[in-house]
N, C-alpha and C. Protein backbone atom coordinates (compact mmCIF):
# COMPACT_ATOMS: atom_id res chain seq x y z
N MET A 1 113.14 61.12 121.77
CA MET A 1 111.82 60.38 120.96
C MET A 1 111.39 61.65 120.02
N ALA A 2 111.83 62.69 120.16
CA ALA A 2 111.13 63.62 119.36
C ALA A 2 111.51 63.82 118.24
N SER A 3 113.10 63.72 118.23
CA SER A 3 113.69 63.40 116.90
C SER A 3 113.31 62.14 116.28
N GLN A 4 112.94 61.16 116.83
CA GLN A 4 112.46 59.80 115.98
C GLN A 4 111.28 60.66 115.00
N ASN A 5 109.95 61.24 115.85
CA ASN A 5 109.05 62.04 115.55
C ASN A 5 109.27 62.40 114.22
N LEU A 6 110.27 63.38 114.38
CA LEU A 6 110.71 64.64 113.25
C LEU A 6 111.04 63.70 111.86
N LEU A 7 111.94 62.51 112.18
CA LEU A 7 112.72 62.23 111.00
C LEU A 7 111.88 61.33 110.19
N GLY A 8 110.43 61.62 110.56
CA GLY A 8 109.22 60.39 110.02
C GLY A 8 108.64 61.23 109.06
N MET A 9 108.59 62.38 109.44
CA MET A 9 107.73 63.72 108.60
C MET A 9 109.11 64.44 107.79
N VAL A 10 110.23 64.02 107.87
CA VAL A 10 111.14 64.50 106.84
C VAL A 10 111.05 63.81 105.35
N ILE A 11 110.79 64.71 104.49
CA ILE A 11 110.34 64.65 102.98
C ILE A 11 111.81 64.25 102.20
N ALA A 12 112.23 63.54 101.47
CA ALA A 12 113.20 63.30 100.85
C ALA A 12 113.38 63.75 99.57
N PRO A 13 114.34 64.53 98.77
CA PRO A 13 114.32 65.33 97.72
C PRO A 13 113.16 65.01 96.86
N ASN A 14 113.66 63.60 96.30
CA ASN A 14 112.63 63.18 95.21
C ASN A 14 111.18 62.60 95.60
N GLN A 15 110.97 63.09 96.80
CA GLN A 15 109.35 62.62 97.17
C GLN A 15 108.73 63.97 97.24
N TRP A 16 109.25 65.17 97.14
CA TRP A 16 108.67 66.13 97.06
C TRP A 16 107.41 66.76 96.28
N ARG A 17 107.42 65.67 94.98
CA ARG A 17 106.26 65.71 94.13
C ARG A 17 104.89 65.27 94.45
N TYR A 18 105.34 64.54 95.67
CA TYR A 18 103.58 64.22 96.65
C TYR A 18 104.04 64.85 98.02
N ALA A 19 104.52 65.97 97.73
CA ALA A 19 103.82 66.58 99.15
C ALA A 19 102.88 67.45 98.70
N ARG A 20 101.81 67.14 100.23
CA ARG A 20 100.77 68.04 100.00
C ARG A 20 100.93 68.75 101.74
N ALA A 21 99.82 69.77 101.28
CA ALA A 21 99.58 70.77 102.87
C ALA A 21 98.51 70.82 103.09
N CYS A 22 98.33 70.56 104.31
CA CYS A 22 96.90 69.96 105.10
C CYS A 22 96.06 72.07 104.97
N MET A 23 95.16 71.81 104.84
CA MET A 23 94.29 72.99 104.66
C MET A 23 93.69 73.64 105.82
N VAL A 24 94.07 72.78 106.78
CA VAL A 24 93.81 73.43 108.14
C VAL A 24 95.10 73.82 108.89
N CYS A 25 95.47 73.04 108.88
CA CYS A 25 96.81 73.36 109.72
C CYS A 25 98.38 73.83 108.84
N SER A 26 98.44 73.51 107.78
CA SER A 26 99.48 73.82 106.75
C SER A 26 99.98 73.04 106.89
N ILE A 27 100.95 72.17 107.62
CA ILE A 27 101.70 70.95 107.50
C ILE A 27 102.20 70.17 106.44
N ILE A 28 103.36 70.44 105.90
CA ILE A 28 103.11 69.36 104.45
C ILE A 28 104.21 68.11 104.74
N MET A 29 103.22 67.19 104.25
CA MET A 29 103.43 65.74 104.26
C MET A 29 103.65 65.17 103.03
N THR A 30 104.19 63.70 102.78
CA THR A 30 103.83 63.33 101.66
C THR A 30 102.30 62.58 101.75
N GLN A 31 101.37 62.39 100.62
CA GLN A 31 100.55 61.57 100.95
C GLN A 31 100.32 60.57 101.53
N SER A 32 101.56 59.73 101.31
CA SER A 32 101.42 58.57 101.71
C SER A 32 101.65 58.61 103.51
N HIS A 33 102.38 59.61 103.76
CA HIS A 33 102.49 59.86 105.29
C HIS A 33 101.08 60.07 106.07
N PHE A 34 100.18 61.21 105.20
CA PHE A 34 99.02 61.58 105.73
C PHE A 34 98.23 60.33 105.62
N ARG A 35 98.41 59.57 104.52
CA ARG A 35 97.40 58.25 104.77
C ARG A 35 97.89 57.39 105.82
N ALA A 36 99.23 57.06 106.12
CA ALA A 36 99.54 56.26 107.26
C ALA A 36 99.48 56.72 108.72
N GLU A 37 99.72 58.37 108.78
CA GLU A 37 99.65 58.69 109.68
C GLU A 37 98.25 59.71 110.35
N GLY A 38 97.77 60.27 109.18
CA GLY A 38 96.52 61.27 109.74
C GLY A 38 97.51 62.56 109.74
N CYS A 39 96.63 63.54 109.63
CA CYS A 39 97.65 64.87 110.33
C CYS A 39 97.49 65.02 111.84
N PRO A 40 98.86 64.89 111.92
CA PRO A 40 99.52 65.48 113.58
C PRO A 40 98.57 66.67 114.32
N ASN A 41 98.03 67.51 113.69
CA ASN A 41 97.21 68.77 114.29
C ASN A 41 96.24 68.75 114.09
N CYS A 42 95.34 67.79 113.34
CA CYS A 42 93.92 67.87 112.99
C CYS A 42 93.53 66.46 112.60
N PRO A 43 93.85 65.83 114.44
CA PRO A 43 93.09 64.31 113.69
C PRO A 43 91.56 64.43 113.68
N PHE A 44 90.73 65.39 113.78
CA PHE A 44 89.39 65.58 113.77
C PHE A 44 89.05 65.71 112.27
N LEU A 45 89.95 65.79 111.31
CA LEU A 45 89.89 65.42 110.13
C LEU A 45 89.77 64.01 109.65
N ASP A 46 90.05 63.15 109.92
CA ASP A 46 90.14 61.70 109.96
C ASP A 46 90.79 61.32 108.70
N LEU A 47 92.15 61.37 108.64
CA LEU A 47 92.78 61.50 107.52
C LEU A 47 93.22 60.26 107.10
N LYS A 48 93.74 59.34 108.25
CA LYS A 48 94.20 58.45 108.28
C LYS A 48 93.47 57.35 107.35
N GLY A 49 94.00 56.50 106.40
CA GLY A 49 93.72 55.52 105.41
C GLY A 49 92.42 56.23 104.76
N SER A 50 91.99 57.57 104.44
CA SER A 50 91.25 57.85 103.96
C SER A 50 91.40 58.74 102.62
N PRO A 51 91.92 58.46 101.42
CA PRO A 51 92.41 58.89 100.31
C PRO A 51 91.49 60.01 99.57
N GLU A 52 90.14 59.99 100.15
CA GLU A 52 89.08 60.72 99.75
C GLU A 52 89.12 61.82 100.71
N ALA A 53 89.68 61.51 101.92
CA ALA A 53 89.46 62.78 102.84
C ALA A 53 90.90 63.75 102.80
N ILE A 54 91.92 62.85 102.16
CA ILE A 54 93.23 63.59 102.23
C ILE A 54 93.27 64.36 100.49
N GLU A 55 92.26 63.86 99.83
CA GLU A 55 92.09 64.98 98.57
C GLU A 55 91.12 65.83 98.71
N ALA A 56 90.53 65.86 99.86
CA ALA A 56 89.41 67.14 100.13
C ALA A 56 90.18 68.14 100.74
N CYS A 57 90.85 67.40 102.10
CA CYS A 57 91.65 68.42 103.31
C CYS A 57 92.88 68.77 102.94
N THR A 58 93.36 68.15 101.67
CA THR A 58 94.90 68.89 101.52
C THR A 58 95.26 69.62 100.23
N SER A 59 96.32 69.69 100.02
CA SER A 59 96.36 70.50 98.78
C SER A 59 97.77 70.33 98.14
N SER A 60 98.26 69.73 96.95
CA SER A 60 99.40 69.82 96.57
C SER A 60 99.92 71.22 95.95
N GLN A 61 99.08 72.40 96.21
CA GLN A 61 99.71 73.64 95.60
C GLN A 61 99.85 74.56 96.64
N PHE A 62 100.69 74.81 96.89
CA PHE A 62 101.00 75.80 98.40
C PHE A 62 102.04 76.50 97.95
N GLU A 63 102.28 77.59 98.57
CA GLU A 63 103.55 78.57 98.39
C GLU A 63 104.58 78.60 99.75
N GLY A 64 105.56 78.87 99.49
CA GLY A 64 106.52 78.90 100.54
C GLY A 64 106.86 77.26 101.55
N THR A 65 108.19 77.70 102.15
CA THR A 65 107.92 76.40 103.27
C THR A 65 108.54 77.32 104.57
N ALA A 66 108.32 76.52 105.53
CA ALA A 66 109.10 77.06 107.04
C ALA A 66 109.27 75.84 108.08
N ALA A 67 110.28 75.66 108.47
CA ALA A 67 110.49 74.22 109.48
C ALA A 67 110.57 74.81 110.43
N TYR A 68 110.06 74.02 111.30
CA TYR A 68 110.04 74.88 112.72
C TYR A 68 110.08 73.23 113.44
N PHE A 69 111.54 73.77 114.41
CA PHE A 69 111.84 72.59 115.36
C PHE A 69 111.29 72.89 116.51
N GLN A 70 111.00 73.98 117.18
CA GLN A 70 110.48 74.39 118.54
C GLN A 70 109.51 75.72 118.15
N PRO A 71 108.58 75.20 117.73
CA PRO A 71 107.50 76.17 117.12
C PRO A 71 107.00 77.13 118.31
N ARG A 72 107.00 76.81 119.70
CA ARG A 72 106.52 77.68 120.64
C ARG A 72 107.45 78.42 120.99
N ARG A 73 108.47 78.39 120.71
CA ARG A 73 109.79 79.58 120.90
C ARG A 73 109.78 80.11 119.38
N SER A 74 109.46 80.30 118.81
CA SER A 74 109.75 81.10 117.32
C SER A 74 108.26 81.82 117.30
N TRP A 75 109.08 82.74 117.19
CA TRP A 75 107.73 84.11 116.51
C TRP A 75 107.50 83.97 115.34
N VAL A 76 108.01 83.68 114.80
CA VAL A 76 107.76 83.41 112.87
C VAL A 76 106.81 82.21 113.14
N ALA A 77 106.98 81.26 113.99
CA ALA A 77 105.78 80.13 113.85
C ALA A 77 104.47 81.10 114.73
N ARG A 78 104.44 81.99 115.70
CA ARG A 78 103.73 82.86 116.25
C ARG A 78 102.41 83.49 115.01
N TRP A 79 103.94 84.09 114.11
CA TRP A 79 103.05 84.98 113.29
C TRP A 79 102.22 83.95 112.29
N GLN A 80 102.88 82.90 112.33
CA GLN A 80 102.27 81.98 111.10
C GLN A 80 101.42 81.33 111.62
N ARG A 81 100.76 81.43 112.92
CA ARG A 81 99.82 80.58 113.59
C ARG A 81 99.64 79.39 113.73
N VAL A 82 101.35 78.86 113.81
CA VAL A 82 101.75 77.25 114.02
C VAL A 82 101.99 77.13 115.05
N ASP A 83 102.43 78.30 116.10
CA ASP A 83 103.17 77.62 117.42
C ASP A 83 102.64 76.45 118.40
N THR A 84 101.27 76.12 118.16
CA THR A 84 100.84 75.42 119.22
C THR A 84 100.64 73.85 118.17
N PHE A 85 101.25 74.00 116.98
CA PHE A 85 101.16 72.80 116.44
C PHE A 85 102.63 71.74 116.64
N VAL A 86 102.48 70.57 115.86
CA VAL A 86 104.01 70.14 116.22
C VAL A 86 104.90 70.36 115.60
N PRO A 87 106.27 69.92 115.69
CA PRO A 87 107.23 70.76 114.68
C PRO A 87 107.19 69.88 113.57
N GLY A 88 107.72 70.42 112.44
CA GLY A 88 107.53 70.15 111.11
C GLY A 88 107.59 71.23 109.98
N THR A 89 107.64 70.98 109.21
CA THR A 89 107.56 71.90 107.99
C THR A 89 106.31 72.20 107.79
N TYR A 90 105.97 73.69 107.35
CA TYR A 90 104.74 73.90 107.14
C TYR A 90 104.64 74.95 105.95
N ALA A 91 103.49 74.94 105.31
CA ALA A 91 103.28 75.95 103.67
C ALA A 91 102.98 77.09 104.59
N ILE A 92 103.63 78.37 103.72
CA ILE A 92 103.22 79.65 103.89
C ILE A 92 101.95 80.09 103.81
N LYS A 93 101.45 79.61 102.70
CA LYS A 93 99.82 79.55 102.22
C LYS A 93 99.81 78.20 101.27
N VAL A 94 98.45 78.00 101.72
CA VAL A 94 98.02 76.90 101.05
C VAL A 94 97.16 77.18 100.01
N ASN A 95 96.98 76.76 98.62
CA ASN A 95 96.31 77.19 97.92
C ASN A 95 95.08 76.17 98.09
N GLY A 96 94.05 76.38 97.67
CA GLY A 96 92.42 75.71 97.68
C GLY A 96 91.85 75.88 98.96
N SER A 97 90.46 75.46 99.00
CA SER A 97 90.17 75.51 100.06
C SER A 97 88.97 74.58 100.75
N LEU A 98 88.84 74.54 102.18
CA LEU A 98 88.05 73.37 102.46
C LEU A 98 86.37 73.08 102.12
N PRO A 99 85.96 72.25 101.57
CA PRO A 99 84.80 72.15 101.00
C PRO A 99 83.77 72.80 102.25
N GLU A 100 82.31 73.05 101.83
CA GLU A 100 81.63 73.42 102.80
C GLU A 100 81.37 72.29 104.00
N ASP A 101 80.96 71.25 103.63
CA ASP A 101 80.61 70.16 104.37
C ASP A 101 81.71 70.07 105.49
N ILE A 102 82.93 70.17 105.11
CA ILE A 102 83.75 69.95 106.59
C ILE A 102 83.79 70.92 107.38
N LYS A 103 83.96 72.13 106.87
CA LYS A 103 84.45 73.34 107.56
C LYS A 103 82.54 73.46 108.75
N GLN A 104 81.56 72.87 108.06
CA GLN A 104 80.29 73.29 109.07
C GLN A 104 80.86 71.78 110.02
N ALA A 105 81.11 70.81 109.51
CA ALA A 105 81.44 69.70 110.70
C ALA A 105 82.56 70.12 111.66
N MET A 106 83.48 70.90 111.59
CA MET A 106 84.78 71.26 111.95
C MET A 106 83.85 72.09 113.31
N GLU A 107 83.13 73.02 112.68
CA GLU A 107 82.12 74.32 113.45
C GLU A 107 81.31 73.27 114.39
N ASP A 108 81.10 72.00 114.33
CA ASP A 108 79.63 71.28 114.72
C ASP A 108 80.45 70.69 116.09
N GLN A 109 81.65 70.35 115.50
CA GLN A 109 82.58 69.82 116.64
C GLN A 109 83.56 70.82 117.99
N GLY A 110 83.41 72.17 117.14
CA GLY A 110 84.02 72.99 118.15
C GLY A 110 85.10 73.52 117.62
N HIS A 111 85.76 73.02 116.77
CA HIS A 111 87.20 73.66 115.72
C HIS A 111 86.77 74.85 115.31
N THR A 112 87.78 75.54 114.87
CA THR A 112 87.28 76.89 114.41
C THR A 112 88.35 76.48 113.36
N HIS A 113 88.32 77.03 112.09
CA HIS A 113 89.04 77.09 110.88
C HIS A 113 89.49 78.61 110.38
N ILE A 114 90.55 78.72 111.00
CA ILE A 114 91.33 80.20 110.96
C ILE A 114 91.98 79.73 109.31
N PRO A 115 91.78 80.48 108.07
CA PRO A 115 92.67 80.29 107.00
C PRO A 115 94.45 80.62 107.65
N GLN A 116 95.31 79.91 107.14
CA GLN A 116 96.49 80.26 106.64
C GLN A 116 96.52 81.71 105.98
N GLN A 117 96.95 82.90 106.44
CA GLN A 117 96.89 83.83 105.68
C GLN A 117 95.53 84.49 105.22
N ALA A 118 95.37 84.56 104.17
CA ALA A 118 93.80 84.62 103.65
C ALA A 118 92.97 83.48 103.08
N GLU A 119 92.08 83.19 103.20
CA GLU A 119 91.29 81.90 102.50
C GLU A 119 91.68 82.17 101.08
N SER A 120 92.18 80.86 100.56
CA SER A 120 92.77 81.50 99.05
C SER A 120 91.24 80.52 98.04
N GLN A 121 91.60 80.81 96.52
CA GLN A 121 90.40 80.61 96.08
C GLN A 121 91.09 79.51 95.51
N PRO A 122 89.54 78.65 95.00
CA PRO A 122 90.30 77.37 94.45
C PRO A 122 91.26 77.24 93.77
N VAL A 123 92.21 76.24 93.48
CA VAL A 123 92.85 76.18 92.11
C VAL A 123 92.19 76.47 90.97
N GLN A 124 92.60 77.37 89.85
CA GLN A 124 92.28 77.38 88.76
C GLN A 124 93.53 77.28 87.46
N SER A 125 92.74 76.79 86.22
CA SER A 125 94.07 76.54 85.41
C SER A 125 94.33 77.73 85.00
N LYS A 126 95.69 77.85 84.59
CA LYS A 126 96.40 79.26 84.11
C LYS A 126 96.02 79.41 82.68
N GLY A 127 94.71 79.28 82.05
CA GLY A 127 94.48 79.48 81.23
C GLY A 127 94.25 80.85 80.61
N LYS A 128 94.11 81.43 79.16
CA LYS A 128 94.27 82.73 78.74
C LYS A 128 93.07 83.48 79.33
N LYS A 129 91.87 83.03 79.53
CA LYS A 129 90.74 83.69 80.18
C LYS A 129 91.24 83.73 81.50
N ASN A 130 91.73 83.17 82.38
CA ASN A 130 92.29 83.62 83.57
C ASN A 130 93.31 84.65 83.94
N ALA A 131 94.52 84.49 82.78
CA ALA A 131 95.03 85.75 82.58
C ALA A 131 94.31 87.01 82.17
N GLN A 132 93.67 86.86 81.31
CA GLN A 132 92.88 88.19 81.15
C GLN A 132 91.79 88.80 81.90
N GLU A 133 91.18 88.16 82.66
CA GLU A 133 90.65 88.33 84.25
C GLU A 133 91.43 89.30 85.05
N THR A 134 92.58 88.15 85.18
CA THR A 134 93.51 89.13 86.21
C THR A 134 94.16 90.50 85.98
N GLY A 135 94.32 90.35 84.53
CA GLY A 135 95.05 91.37 84.09
C GLY A 135 93.84 92.97 83.91
N GLN A 136 92.66 92.45 83.88
CA GLN A 136 91.29 93.39 83.72
C GLN A 136 91.27 93.94 85.20
N GLN A 137 91.11 92.88 86.26
CA GLN A 137 91.32 93.11 88.00
C GLN A 137 92.38 94.30 88.14
N GLY A 138 93.58 93.92 87.44
CA GLY A 138 94.69 94.70 87.84
C GLY A 138 94.64 96.30 87.74
N ARG A 139 93.96 96.22 85.98
CA ARG A 139 94.13 97.43 85.39
C ARG A 139 92.85 98.47 86.19
N GLN A 140 91.64 97.64 86.48
CA GLN A 140 90.71 98.38 87.55
C GLN A 140 90.97 98.74 88.51
N LYS A 141 92.01 98.19 89.83
CA LYS A 141 92.41 98.57 90.70
C LYS A 141 93.74 99.79 90.08
N GLU A 142 94.28 99.57 89.32
CA GLU A 142 95.18 100.73 89.13
C GLU A 142 94.44 102.13 89.01
N ASP A 143 93.29 101.68 87.83
CA ASP A 143 92.36 103.11 87.78
C ASP A 143 91.83 103.71 89.07
N ARG A 144 91.32 102.84 89.65
CA ARG A 144 90.83 103.50 91.24
C ARG A 144 92.16 104.11 91.77
N ARG A 145 92.67 103.78 91.95
CA ARG A 145 94.09 104.05 92.49
C ARG A 145 94.62 105.70 92.07
N ASN A 146 94.39 106.01 90.78
CA ASN A 146 94.57 107.00 89.93
C ASN A 146 93.37 107.75 90.11
N GLN A 147 92.30 107.52 90.26
CA GLN A 147 91.05 108.39 90.66
C GLN A 147 91.59 109.02 91.94
N GLN A 148 91.70 107.85 93.02
CA GLN A 148 92.09 108.54 94.18
C GLN A 148 93.03 109.78 94.39
N GLN A 149 93.87 109.36 93.53
CA GLN A 149 95.52 110.52 93.44
C GLN A 149 94.65 111.66 93.20
N GLN A 150 94.09 111.60 91.77
CA GLN A 150 93.68 113.22 91.31
C GLN A 150 92.87 113.56 92.07
N GLN A 151 91.83 112.97 92.85
CA GLN A 151 91.06 113.92 94.06
C GLN A 151 91.48 114.08 94.91
N GLN A 152 92.71 113.47 95.68
CA GLN A 152 93.42 114.53 96.56
C GLN A 152 94.18 115.06 96.06
N HIS A 153 94.89 115.35 94.80
CA HIS A 153 95.60 116.37 94.36
C HIS A 153 94.69 117.59 94.05
N LYS A 154 93.53 116.97 94.10
CA LYS A 154 92.51 118.75 93.36
C LYS A 154 91.87 118.96 95.20
N GLY A 155 92.04 118.27 95.73
CA GLY A 155 91.70 118.82 97.09
C GLY A 155 92.65 119.50 97.44
N HIS A 156 94.08 119.18 97.31
CA HIS A 156 95.16 120.29 97.67
C HIS A 156 95.43 121.50 97.04
N GLN A 157 95.04 121.42 95.74
CA GLN A 157 95.07 122.57 95.12
C GLN A 157 93.95 123.38 95.39
N LYS A 158 92.99 123.19 95.70
CA LYS A 158 91.98 123.80 96.44
C LYS A 158 92.36 124.69 97.16
N GLN A 159 92.83 123.93 98.42
CA GLN A 159 92.99 124.21 99.56
C GLN A 159 94.38 125.56 99.23
N GLY A 160 95.39 125.11 98.28
CA GLY A 160 96.20 126.20 98.15
C GLY A 160 95.62 127.48 97.66
N GLN A 161 94.60 127.09 96.83
CA GLN A 161 94.31 128.56 96.28
C GLN A 161 93.20 129.40 97.23
N GLN A 162 92.36 128.63 98.22
CA GLN A 162 92.09 129.21 99.45
C GLN A 162 92.97 129.93 100.65
N VAL A 163 94.19 129.41 100.67
CA VAL A 163 95.07 130.20 101.32
C VAL A 163 95.56 131.06 100.69
N GLN A 164 95.88 131.14 99.56
CA GLN A 164 96.26 131.94 98.55
C GLN A 164 95.48 133.27 98.32
N ARG A 165 94.17 132.96 98.80
CA ARG A 165 93.47 134.41 98.26
C ARG A 165 92.80 134.70 99.88
N ALA A 166 93.36 134.10 100.58
CA ALA A 166 93.04 134.77 102.44
C ALA A 166 94.30 135.59 102.74
N GLY A 167 95.55 135.04 102.00
CA GLY A 167 96.77 136.10 102.00
C GLY A 167 96.49 137.18 101.55
N GLU A 168 96.05 137.37 100.40
CA GLU A 168 95.65 138.63 99.20
C GLU A 168 94.41 139.53 100.16
N GLY A 169 93.49 138.95 100.58
CA GLY A 169 92.65 139.92 101.01
C GLY A 169 93.01 140.16 102.64
N GLY A 170 93.56 140.05 103.38
CA GLY A 170 93.96 140.94 104.60
C GLY A 170 95.23 141.48 104.55
N GLY A 171 95.42 141.87 105.43
CA GLY A 171 97.15 142.83 105.30
C GLY A 171 96.85 144.11 106.14
N ASP A 172 96.83 145.26 105.27
CA ASP A 172 97.46 146.44 105.79
C ASP A 172 96.17 147.29 106.24
């Protein structure tokens, strides 16, 4: 019986363009499977039969996949925090974030939202402005790193000079 449930969640190669990942648990299923069955790990999202909820709570933008046949016995599933979920294929990282009203409703119902990896930013177009901002952020990070290394180097030089002076002053 468990194998029949797994077969229902298999995504055919020509159907991956319709694949979506739940932003709460990261399970990957087709849009039609989410519509027909809802999320097997997150029934409180009420995805079954609701295209609006599917659009808000799942994302077609995700990175990496891992399939778990026995998640409770898998150290990788524990590391990804999916060891208590149903067997299936999960995204390593889901891009996008849940709307604030859904996060609040989850909290009100006693469900905690622990983002897979880190809370990802909403998907943005890869326009020229974003590339420039990303490049600027990278340069700023590199500049800070260089400044820290220079300060550490100066500190080591100063300590070396103090040790050298101490060696010159003592002795005979």
